[in-house]
Amino acid sequence: METQFEQKILKKLDKIEKEVEEIKAHMVDVDVILTEDEKKLLDESLVHEKEGSLVSLGEVENVRNKARQTA
């Protein structure tokens, strides 16, 4: 049998829990926000993509592997 004091505490805890859930639901994920440097790099990458001057990962790996073999 819960006392009146315990019931009051449980109500407050329920309220706090709901508030925390509400806050979580509206929080911004910091990983989706770009810094100024990241935005600049993204913009540059989009320009390079339009120009067709991007290099694939496979090409980079091939160059790296060849450099290692000759070193």
C-alpha atoms as a PDB file:
ATOM      1  CA  MET A   1       0.000   0.000   0.000  1.00  0.00           C
ATOM      2  CA  GLU A   2       1.532   3.272  -1.175  1.00  0.00           C
ATOM      3  CA  THR A   3       1.457   6.290   1.010  1.00  0.00           C
ATOM      4  CA  GLN A   4       0.280   9.644  -0.266  1.00  0.00           C
ATOM      5  CA  PHE A   5       3.894  10.813  -0.340  1.00  0.00           C
ATOM      6  CA  GLU A   6       4.954   7.859  -2.509  1.00  0.00           C
ATOM      7  CA  GLN A   7       2.051   8.459  -4.883  1.00  0.00           C
ATOM      8  CA  LYS A   8       3.093  12.097  -5.232  1.00  0.00           C
ATOM      9  CA  ILE A   9       6.680  11.069  -6.015  1.00  0.00           C
ATOM     10  CA  LEU A  10       5.507   8.514  -8.580  1.00  0.00           C
ATOM     11  CA  LYS A  11       3.333  11.136 -10.301  1.00  0.00           C
ATOM     12  CA  LYS A  12       6.269  13.523 -10.465  1.00  0.00           C
ATOM     13  CA  LEU A  13       8.519  10.794 -11.841  1.00  0.00           C
ATOM     14  CA  ASP A  14       5.947   9.958 -14.516  1.00  0.00           C
ATOM     15  CA  LYS A  15       5.759  13.623 -15.471  1.00  0.00           C
ATOM     16  CA  ILE A  16       9.549  13.910 -15.651  1.00  0.00           C
ATOM     17  CA  GLU A  17       9.750  10.760 -17.756  1.00  0.00           C
ATOM     18  CA  LYS A  18       7.206  12.163 -20.231  1.00  0.00           C
ATOM     19  CA  GLU A  19       9.112  15.447 -20.400  1.00  0.00           C
ATOM     20  CA  VAL A  20      12.387  13.633 -21.082  1.00  0.00           C
ATOM     21  CA  GLU A  21      10.748  11.630 -23.880  1.00  0.00           C
ATOM     22  CA  GLU A  22       9.373  14.860 -25.364  1.00  0.00           C
ATOM     23  CA  ILE A  23      12.816  16.465 -25.215  1.00  0.00           C
ATOM     24  CA  LYS A  24      14.417  13.412 -26.854  1.00  0.00           C
ATOM     25  CA  ALA A  25      11.839  13.476 -29.647  1.00  0.00           C
ATOM     26  CA  HIS A  26      12.705  17.076 -30.494  1.00  0.00           C
ATOM     27  CA  MET A  27      16.482  16.981 -30.078  1.00  0.00           C
ATOM     28  CA  VAL A  28      18.654  17.636 -33.101  1.00  0.00           C
ATOM     29  CA  ASP A  29      21.211  14.965 -33.909  1.00  0.00           C
ATOM     30  CA  VAL A  30      24.553  16.790 -33.926  1.00  0.00           C
ATOM     31  CA  ASP A  31      25.867  14.367 -36.538  1.00  0.00           C
ATOM     32  CA  VAL A  32      23.486  15.798 -39.153  1.00  0.00           C
ATOM     33  CA  ILE A  33      24.671  19.385 -38.728  1.00  0.00           C
ATOM     34  CA  LEU A  34      27.513  20.420 -41.008  1.00  0.00           C
ATOM     35  CA  THR A  35      30.288  22.687 -39.850  1.00  0.00           C
ATOM     36  CA  GLU A  36      31.393  25.514 -42.169  1.00  0.00           C
ATOM     37  CA  ASP A  37      34.428  23.449 -43.216  1.00  0.00           C
ATOM     38  CA  GLU A  38      32.266  20.403 -43.947  1.00  0.00           C
ATOM     39  CA  LYS A  39      29.827  22.507 -45.980  1.00  0.00           C
ATOM     40  CA  LYS A  40      32.722  23.941 -47.997  1.00  0.00           C
ATOM     41  CA  LEU A  41      34.077  20.427 -48.652  1.00  0.00           C
ATOM     42  CA  LEU A  42      30.633  19.196 -49.676  1.00  0.00           C
ATOM     43  CA  ASP A  43      30.162  22.127 -52.056  1.00  0.00           C
ATOM     44  CA  GLU A  44      33.593  21.486 -53.594  1.00  0.00           C
ATOM     45  CA  SER A  45      32.777  17.806 -53.971  1.00  0.00           C
ATOM     46  CA  LEU A  46      29.508  18.614 -55.760  1.00  0.00           C
ATOM     47  CA  VAL A  47      31.403  20.864 -58.182  1.00  0.00           C
ATOM     48  CA  HIS A  48      33.951  18.092 -58.822  1.00  0.00           C
ATOM     49  CA  GLU A  49      31.134  15.608 -59.375  1.00  0.00           C
ATOM     50  CA  LYS A  50      29.529  17.881 -61.994  1.00  0.00           C
ATOM     51  CA  GLU A  51      32.917  18.305 -63.676  1.00  0.00           C
ATOM     52  CA  GLY A  52      33.413  14.538 -63.696  1.00  0.00           C
ATOM     53  CA  SER A  53      36.700  14.902 -61.860  1.00  0.00           C
ATOM     54  CA  LEU A  54      35.988  12.640 -58.899  1.00  0.00           C
ATOM     55  CA  VAL A  55      38.196   9.605 -58.365  1.00  0.00           C
ATOM     56  CA  SER A  56      36.686   6.320 -57.220  1.00  0.00           C
ATOM     57  CA  LEU A  57      37.833   4.555 -54.087  1.00  0.00           C
ATOM     58  CA  GLY A  58      39.008   1.660 -56.239  1.00  0.00           C
ATOM     59  CA  GLU A  59      41.283   3.962 -58.233  1.00  0.00           C
ATOM     60  CA  VAL A  60      42.750   5.432 -55.055  1.00  0.00           C
ATOM     61  CA  GLU A  61      43.359   1.946 -53.655  1.00  0.00           C
ATOM     62  CA  ASN A  62      45.053   0.842 -56.895  1.00  0.00           C
ATOM     63  CA  VAL A  63      47.424   3.825 -56.845  1.00  0.00           C
ATOM     64  CA  ARG A  64      48.176   3.238 -53.169  1.00  0.00           C
ATOM     65  CA  ASN A  65      48.847  -0.473 -53.713  1.00  0.00           C
ATOM     66  CA  LYS A  66      51.153   0.221 -56.662  1.00  0.00           C
ATOM     67  CA  ALA A  67      53.061   2.789 -54.595  1.00  0.00           C
ATOM     68  CA  ARG A  68      53.514   0.255 -51.803  1.00  0.00           C
ATOM     69  CA  GLN A  69      54.808  -2.377 -54.220  1.00  0.00           C
ATOM     70  CA  THR A  70      57.456  -0.072 -55.648  1.00  0.00           C
ATOM     71  CA  ALA A  71      58.564   1.266 -52.272  1.00  0.00           C
END
